[in-house]
Amino acid sequence: MNETDFIFKNYNLSNIANGSITWKTPSNIALVKYWGKREPQIPENTSISFTLDACFTLTILEYSKRQTPHGERDSASHENNFNFEIYFEGEKKNDFKPKIATFFKRIEKYAPFLKDFEFIIKSENSFPHSSGIASSASGMGALALCVMSLEKELNSAMTDAYFNKKASFLARLGSGSACRSVEGPLIVWGKHPEIEGSSDLFGTKFPYKIHDNFKNYQDTILLVDEGEKQVSSTVGHALMHNHPFAKQRFKQANSNISKISIALQNGDLSAFIANVESEALSLHAMMMTSNPYFILMKPNTLKIINEIWEFRAATKSNICFTLDAGANVHVLFPEKEKEKVNNFIKSNLMQFCQENHYICDSIGKGAKKISNI
């Protein structure tokens, strides 16, 4: 599919009433990282992620028709603005409006009905905002799904497959990694010659059978720092444009897609661990060698990593870590090791978390539409 397949035309508002739509959309954690993009939100390398379950954004989109439909307004008097308010965790957030407005402008070509409505967006996270868990992924993913549910009310013949692809396509235009939060449990984003059906335009389910070793995989997120990141992911991505190691990094990531694909299919936990940890450190190496350079890890991030390495060497556990663009540590392990690893986290790792906070999560199946909220 290409961009023109997602352009929506010839809609009729006469049969649609005012209402609200609610989606619960998970975050995701990349195993092979996406870092670096070009317009319009196209990744420089392929990435693959586990969809999470307990870490999610719940978004309610309340909509009401404008008195004068967009197509009937006098263009001279009509400002090029969208009519919406945004509330995050019960508080009005005008500082969030520019990002939402930019998102709406990017997707207007594909969802031209947006200017026919007034919106109230109410959103909340099950995890700390802007702390290195992909809140933009779940947040933009949830909003894109709400928009698609509104579109489906205008086009009831839409198939579920098209709905999911376009939702992922729209989400990508809000936040790149958001395209990996629509479905689960394992999502690929970015065209790759060895991943059938992969695309730069939207996330796709990993097309091959996943080994039982990776079914219901666990992810415990250690909240080393619950504050906002010093450098946003948007700024970090932009610094890859003139990065001295960018080309080699993109080549490395695409090679790692091939390696992790094989490991996921044949159940090779050792290869999976080596690939995932290398990717996490490579991501942060790009941050530390950009111009200007920056460090998102904290001292306790490094202490946790060393504790994990020592525990794995001593117990032969299949525990490993990964990092997103922040200080928090995602501890990944098979479900059969849950009791052993949870005990280790409580005895050895919890002390390095801010106020001993951590989140026990596991791999999820994707976003869910919520009724009667």
Protein backbone atom coordinates (compact mmCIF):
# COMPACT_ATOMS: atom_id res chain seq x y z
CA MET A 1 0.00 0.00 0.00
CA ASN A 2 1.06 3.62 -0.53
CA GLU A 3 0.00 6.99 0.82
CA THR A 4 -2.79 7.49 -1.70
CA ASP A 5 -4.56 4.35 -0.45
CA PHE A 6 -5.24 6.17 2.83
CA ILE A 7 -6.86 9.32 1.40
CA PHE A 8 -10.50 9.49 2.48
CA LYS A 9 -12.96 11.16 0.09
CA ASN A 10 -16.68 11.67 -0.45
CA TYR A 11 -17.89 11.40 3.12
CA ASN A 12 -21.34 12.40 4.34
CA LEU A 13 -21.91 13.84 7.81
CA SER A 14 -25.68 13.69 7.72
CA ASN A 15 -25.98 10.34 9.50
CA ILE A 16 -23.44 10.95 12.24
CA ALA A 17 -24.37 12.19 15.71
CA ASN A 18 -22.25 13.80 18.38
CA GLY A 19 -20.55 11.30 20.66
CA SER A 20 -17.33 9.99 22.16
CA ILE A 21 -14.78 7.27 21.42
CA THR A 22 -12.35 5.64 23.86
CA TRP A 23 -9.22 3.63 23.11
CA LYS A 24 -6.76 1.99 25.48
CA THR A 25 -3.45 1.82 23.65
CA PRO A 26 -0.24 0.27 24.96
CA SER A 27 3.28 1.54 24.85
CA ASN A 28 5.94 -0.62 23.22
CA ILE A 29 9.59 -1.38 23.78
CA ALA A 30 11.88 -1.66 20.80
CA LEU A 31 14.27 -4.59 20.65
CA VAL A 32 16.04 -3.22 17.59
CA LYS A 33 15.93 0.55 17.93
CA TYR A 34 14.69 3.29 15.61
CA TRP A 35 16.86 6.40 15.94
CA GLY A 36 17.00 8.76 13.00
CA LYS A 37 14.27 9.69 10.52
CA ARG A 38 13.52 11.71 7.43
CA GLU A 39 10.35 13.51 6.33
CA PRO A 40 7.55 12.62 6.57
CA GLN A 41 8.31 10.48 9.63
CA ILE A 42 10.15 7.80 7.64
CA PRO A 43 12.62 5.67 9.64
CA GLU A 44 16.25 5.47 8.61
CA ASN A 45 16.34 1.83 9.69
CA THR A 46 13.93 -0.98 10.45
CA SER A 47 12.89 -1.54 14.07
CA ILE A 48 11.05 -4.30 15.91
CA SER A 49 9.25 -4.04 19.23
CA PHE A 50 7.35 -5.94 21.87
CA THR A 51 3.91 -4.45 22.48
CA LEU A 52 3.35 -3.95 26.21
CA ASP A 53 0.21 -4.52 28.27
CA ALA A 54 0.18 -2.70 31.64
CA CYS A 55 1.80 0.48 30.30
CA PHE A 56 -0.91 2.19 28.29
CA THR A 57 -2.63 5.47 27.47
CA LEU A 58 -6.39 5.78 27.81
CA THR A 59 -7.79 8.44 25.48
CA ILE A 60 -11.35 9.69 25.14
CA LEU A 61 -12.21 11.70 22.04
CA GLU A 62 -15.45 13.64 22.47
CA TYR A 63 -16.73 15.05 19.19
CA SER A 64 -19.53 17.36 18.10
CA LYS A 65 -20.32 18.63 14.65
CA ARG A 66 -19.59 22.25 13.88
CA GLN A 67 -22.65 24.27 12.95
CA THR A 68 -21.26 25.04 9.50
CA PRO A 69 -19.53 22.06 7.84
CA HIS A 70 -15.97 22.60 6.66
CA GLY A 71 -16.85 22.27 2.97
CA GLU A 72 -19.51 24.99 3.19
CA ARG A 73 -17.46 27.67 4.97
CA ASP A 74 -16.28 30.83 3.33
CA SER A 75 -12.60 30.15 2.75
CA ALA A 76 -11.78 33.83 3.19
CA SER A 77 -13.13 33.87 6.73
CA HIS A 78 -12.08 30.35 7.70
CA GLU A 79 -8.84 30.14 9.64
CA ASN A 80 -6.61 27.15 9.04
CA ASN A 81 -7.15 25.86 12.57
CA PHE A 82 -8.57 22.77 14.21
CA ASN A 83 -11.02 23.16 17.06
CA PHE A 84 -10.00 21.08 20.08
CA GLU A 85 -9.13 21.15 23.75
CA ILE A 86 -6.77 18.71 25.45
CA TYR A 87 -6.87 17.44 29.03
CA PHE A 88 -4.16 15.21 30.46
CA GLU A 89 -4.88 13.36 33.69
CA GLY A 90 -7.73 15.77 34.50
CA GLU A 91 -5.87 19.02 33.84
CA LYS A 92 -6.19 21.26 30.81
CA LYS A 93 -2.92 21.17 28.89
CA ASN A 94 -2.56 24.04 26.46
CA ASP A 95 1.16 23.26 26.15
CA PHE A 96 0.18 19.93 24.50
CA LYS A 97 -1.89 21.70 21.84
CA PRO A 98 0.92 22.56 19.36
CA LYS A 99 1.91 18.90 19.04
CA ILE A 100 -1.70 17.81 18.51
CA ALA A 101 -2.26 20.63 16.00
CA THR A 102 0.85 19.55 14.09
CA PHE A 103 -0.46 15.98 14.08
CA PHE A 104 -3.87 17.07 12.77
CA LYS A 105 -2.22 19.14 10.02
CA ARG A 106 -0.12 16.17 8.95
CA ILE A 107 -3.10 13.84 8.74
CA GLU A 108 -5.68 16.31 7.34
CA LYS A 109 -5.11 14.99 3.82
CA TYR A 110 -6.07 11.50 5.01
CA ALA A 111 -8.79 12.55 7.49
CA PRO A 112 -10.33 15.72 5.96
CA PHE A 113 -13.39 15.46 8.21
CA LEU A 114 -11.39 16.67 11.24
CA LYS A 115 -12.32 20.30 10.59
CA ASP A 116 -16.01 19.40 10.56
CA PHE A 117 -15.90 18.69 14.30
CA GLU A 118 -15.07 20.23 17.62
CA PHE A 119 -13.09 17.89 19.87
CA ILE A 120 -12.33 17.46 23.53
CA ILE A 121 -9.41 15.08 24.05
CA LYS A 122 -9.05 13.51 27.50
CA SER A 123 -6.00 11.36 28.08
CA GLU A 124 -4.22 9.62 30.95
CA ASN A 125 -1.28 7.25 31.31
CA SER A 126 -0.80 4.24 33.53
CA PHE A 127 2.87 5.23 33.83
CA PRO A 128 4.94 8.43 34.31
CA HIS A 129 4.81 10.76 31.32
CA SER A 130 8.05 11.65 29.46
CA SER A 131 10.28 9.39 31.55
CA GLY A 132 11.68 7.07 28.90
CA ILE A 133 8.65 4.83 28.57
CA ALA A 134 7.19 5.52 25.13
CA SER A 135 4.34 7.83 26.15
CA SER A 136 4.20 9.49 22.74
CA ALA A 137 3.79 6.04 21.18
CA SER A 138 0.78 5.10 23.27
CA GLY A 139 -0.63 8.62 23.30
CA MET A 140 -0.47 9.26 19.56
CA GLY A 141 -1.48 5.69 18.88
CA ALA A 142 -4.62 6.13 20.98
CA LEU A 143 -5.52 9.42 19.30
CA ALA A 144 -5.01 7.95 15.83
CA LEU A 145 -7.29 5.04 16.71
CA CYS A 146 -9.96 7.44 17.94
CA VAL A 147 -9.74 9.32 14.64
CA MET A 148 -10.06 6.05 12.75
CA SER A 149 -13.11 5.04 14.78
CA LEU A 150 -14.71 8.33 13.76
CA GLU A 151 -13.79 7.62 10.14
CA LYS A 152 -15.35 4.18 10.41
CA GLU A 153 -18.61 5.82 11.46
CA LEU A 154 -18.44 7.66 8.15
CA ASN A 155 -17.44 4.52 6.25
CA SER A 156 -19.00 1.43 7.83
CA ALA A 157 -17.71 -0.83 5.02
CA MET A 158 -14.10 -0.41 6.18
CA THR A 159 -12.34 -3.72 6.91
CA ASP A 160 -10.50 -4.37 10.17
CA ALA A 161 -7.24 -4.93 8.25
CA TYR A 162 -7.51 -1.54 6.55
CA PHE A 163 -8.54 0.09 9.84
CA ASN A 164 -5.40 -1.16 11.61
CA LYS A 165 -3.04 -0.26 8.77
CA LYS A 166 -4.41 3.26 8.43
CA ALA A 167 -4.44 3.74 12.21
CA SER A 168 -0.76 2.77 12.28
CA PHE A 169 -0.09 5.02 9.26
CA LEU A 170 -1.73 8.02 10.97
CA ALA A 171 -0.08 7.29 14.32
CA ARG A 172 3.34 7.33 12.61
CA LEU A 173 2.70 10.92 11.52
CA GLY A 174 2.24 11.90 15.17
CA SER A 175 5.12 9.89 16.63
CA GLY A 176 7.15 7.37 14.69
CA SER A 177 7.12 4.64 17.31
CA ALA A 178 3.34 5.05 17.74
CA CYS A 179 2.82 3.00 14.59
CA ARG A 180 4.08 -0.02 16.58
CA SER A 181 1.43 0.34 19.31
CA VAL A 182 -1.74 -0.49 17.36
CA GLU A 183 -1.26 -4.27 17.30
CA GLY A 184 0.84 -6.89 19.03
CA PRO A 185 2.66 -8.84 20.28
CA LEU A 186 5.66 -8.24 17.99
CA ILE A 187 5.64 -5.39 15.48
CA VAL A 188 8.07 -4.43 12.70
CA TRP A 189 8.32 -0.93 11.29
CA GLY A 190 10.49 -0.07 8.31
CA LYS A 191 10.98 -1.84 5.01
CA HIS A 192 13.34 -4.80 5.32
CA PRO A 193 14.11 -7.34 2.58
CA GLU A 194 13.88 -10.29 4.97
CA ILE A 195 10.60 -9.31 6.67
CA GLU A 196 7.65 -10.05 4.42
CA GLY A 197 5.09 -7.24 4.26
CA SER A 198 7.26 -4.72 6.14
CA SER A 199 6.76 -1.06 5.30
CA ASP A 200 8.13 2.38 6.09
CA LEU A 201 4.56 3.70 6.22
CA PHE A 202 3.06 1.61 9.03
CA GLY A 203 3.86 -1.11 11.52
CA THR A 204 3.16 -4.73 10.63
CA LYS A 205 2.91 -7.87 12.70
CA PHE A 206 6.03 -10.04 12.70
CA PRO A 207 5.01 -12.43 9.90
CA TYR A 208 6.75 -15.61 11.10
CA LYS A 209 5.99 -18.06 13.86
CA ILE A 210 7.41 -16.95 17.20
CA HIS A 211 9.08 -19.64 19.30
CA ASP A 212 7.39 -20.63 22.55
CA ASN A 213 10.39 -19.22 24.47
CA PHE A 214 9.09 -15.74 23.66
CA LYS A 215 5.40 -16.28 24.36
CA ASN A 216 4.10 -14.05 27.16
CA TYR A 217 7.57 -12.58 27.65
CA GLN A 218 7.95 -10.42 30.76
CA ASP A 219 9.09 -6.79 30.97
CA THR A 220 9.62 -5.22 34.38
CA ILE A 221 10.32 -1.51 34.04
CA LEU A 222 12.59 -0.06 36.71
CA LEU A 223 11.75 3.63 37.17
CA VAL A 224 15.19 5.08 37.79
CA ASP A 225 14.01 8.59 36.98
CA GLU A 226 10.31 9.51 36.78
CA GLY A 227 10.97 13.09 35.67
CA GLU A 228 10.95 14.48 32.17
CA LYS A 229 13.88 13.72 29.89
CA GLN A 230 16.53 16.42 29.50
CA VAL A 231 16.50 15.97 25.71
CA SER A 232 13.37 15.02 23.78
CA SER A 233 13.36 12.13 21.34
CA THR A 234 12.48 14.57 18.54
CA VAL A 235 15.70 16.51 19.17
CA GLY A 236 17.67 13.26 19.47
CA HIS A 237 16.41 11.98 16.12
CA ALA A 238 17.34 15.27 14.44
CA LEU A 239 20.92 14.97 15.69
CA MET A 240 21.37 11.83 13.57
CA HIS A 241 21.33 13.93 10.37
CA ASN A 242 24.97 14.93 10.65
CA HIS A 243 26.09 12.20 13.02
CA PRO A 244 29.54 10.81 12.14
CA PHE A 245 28.41 7.23 12.80
CA ALA A 246 24.88 7.43 11.37
CA LYS A 247 25.35 5.35 8.21
CA GLN A 248 27.12 2.57 10.08
CA ARG A 249 24.44 2.64 12.78
CA PHE A 250 21.62 2.22 10.27
CA LYS A 251 23.50 -0.65 8.66
CA GLN A 252 24.06 -2.26 12.08
CA ALA A 253 20.37 -1.99 12.99
CA ASN A 254 19.18 -3.57 9.74
CA SER A 255 21.68 -6.38 10.23
CA ASN A 256 20.40 -6.89 13.76
CA ILE A 257 16.86 -7.23 12.41
CA SER A 258 18.03 -10.26 10.47
CA LYS A 259 19.71 -11.74 13.55
CA ILE A 260 16.82 -11.16 15.95
CA SER A 261 14.30 -12.48 13.43
CA ILE A 262 16.14 -15.82 13.39
CA ALA A 263 16.40 -15.87 17.21
CA LEU A 264 12.69 -15.17 17.64
CA GLN A 265 11.82 -18.01 15.30
CA ASN A 266 14.23 -20.66 16.63
CA GLY A 267 14.05 -19.72 20.32
CA ASP A 268 17.73 -18.84 20.69
CA LEU A 269 17.65 -16.88 23.96
CA SER A 270 21.41 -16.28 24.03
CA ALA A 271 21.36 -14.64 20.60
CA PHE A 272 18.27 -12.65 21.59
CA ILE A 273 19.98 -11.35 24.75
CA ALA A 274 23.17 -10.36 22.92
CA ASN A 275 21.22 -8.56 20.22
CA VAL A 276 18.84 -6.71 22.56
CA GLU A 277 21.52 -5.47 24.95
CA SER A 278 23.83 -4.40 22.13
CA GLU A 279 20.98 -2.43 20.58
CA ALA A 280 20.22 -0.67 23.87
CA LEU A 281 23.82 0.42 24.32
CA SER A 282 24.16 1.40 20.65
CA LEU A 283 21.16 3.70 20.99
CA HIS A 284 22.73 5.53 23.92
CA ALA A 285 26.14 5.53 22.21
CA MET A 286 24.55 7.55 19.40
CA MET A 287 23.32 10.06 21.96
CA MET A 288 26.72 10.34 23.61
CA THR A 289 28.54 10.87 20.29
CA SER A 290 26.16 13.33 18.61
CA ASN A 291 26.86 17.04 18.36
CA PRO A 292 25.75 18.34 20.78
CA TYR A 293 26.15 15.20 22.86
CA PHE A 294 23.96 14.20 25.77
CA ILE A 295 23.51 11.40 28.32
CA LEU A 296 20.07 10.14 29.36
CA MET A 297 21.32 7.29 31.53
CA LYS A 298 21.76 7.93 35.25
CA PRO A 299 24.29 6.38 37.67
CA ASN A 300 21.62 3.95 38.88
CA THR A 301 20.98 2.86 35.29
CA LEU A 302 24.54 1.59 35.11
CA LYS A 303 24.35 0.00 38.56
CA ILE A 304 21.28 -1.97 37.47
CA ILE A 305 22.95 -3.13 34.25
CA ASN A 306 25.96 -4.43 36.16
CA GLU A 307 23.72 -6.19 38.69
CA ILE A 308 21.88 -7.91 35.82
CA TRP A 309 25.13 -9.04 34.23
CA GLU A 310 26.41 -10.45 37.51
CA PHE A 311 23.12 -12.23 38.24
CA ARG A 312 23.00 -13.76 34.76
CA ALA A 313 26.57 -15.03 35.01
CA ALA A 314 25.99 -16.52 38.47
CA THR A 315 22.59 -18.16 37.84
CA LYS A 316 22.56 -18.84 34.06
CA SER A 317 19.30 -16.91 33.93
CA ASN A 318 18.00 -15.61 30.59
CA ILE A 319 17.39 -12.17 32.06
CA CYS A 320 18.50 -9.18 29.99
CA PHE A 321 17.95 -5.44 29.82
CA THR A 322 17.03 -2.87 27.25
CA LEU A 323 16.71 0.90 27.39
CA ASP A 324 14.44 3.35 25.64
CA ALA A 325 15.40 7.00 25.22
CA GLY A 326 15.67 7.60 28.96
CA ALA A 327 17.18 6.39 32.22
CA ASN A 328 14.68 3.65 33.03
CA VAL A 329 15.64 0.02 32.56
CA HIS A 330 13.40 -2.59 30.96
CA VAL A 331 14.21 -6.00 32.43
CA LEU A 332 13.22 -8.71 29.95
CA PHE A 333 12.92 -12.40 30.80
CA PRO A 334 10.92 -15.55 29.92
CA GLU A 335 7.70 -16.19 31.83
CA LYS A 336 9.08 -19.43 33.33
CA GLU A 337 11.72 -17.37 35.19
CA LYS A 338 9.17 -14.94 36.62
CA GLU A 339 9.45 -15.94 40.29
CA LYS A 340 13.24 -16.08 40.30
CA VAL A 341 13.69 -12.76 38.52
CA ASN A 342 11.02 -10.98 40.57
CA ASN A 343 12.81 -12.03 43.75
CA PHE A 344 16.08 -10.71 42.30
CA ILE A 345 14.44 -7.40 41.40
CA LYS A 346 13.08 -6.98 44.93
CA SER A 347 16.34 -7.94 46.64
CA ASN A 348 18.89 -6.30 44.33
CA LEU A 349 17.40 -3.84 41.85
CA MET A 350 14.47 -2.09 43.53
CA GLN A 351 16.88 -0.04 45.66
CA PHE A 352 18.08 1.75 42.52
CA CYS A 353 14.58 2.88 41.53
CA GLN A 354 13.18 6.29 42.39
CA GLU A 355 11.13 5.72 45.56
CA ASN A 356 11.46 1.96 44.88
CA HIS A 357 8.99 2.28 42.00
CA TYR A 358 8.83 -0.28 39.21
CA ILE A 359 6.16 -1.66 36.89
CA CYS A 360 5.59 -5.35 36.24
CA ASP A 361 4.50 -5.72 32.64
CA SER A 362 4.34 -8.39 29.97
CA ILE A 363 3.84 -8.63 26.25
CA GLY A 364 0.38 -7.58 25.08
CA LYS A 365 -1.84 -8.03 22.06
CA GLY A 366 -2.36 -4.39 21.10
CA ALA A 367 -4.89 -1.60 21.48
CA LYS A 368 -8.49 -2.10 22.62
CA LYS A 369 -11.57 -0.02 22.04
CA ILE A 370 -13.38 0.60 25.31
CA SER A 371 -17.16 0.80 25.61
CA ASN A 372 -19.31 2.51 28.26
CA ILE A 373 -16.44 4.25 30.00
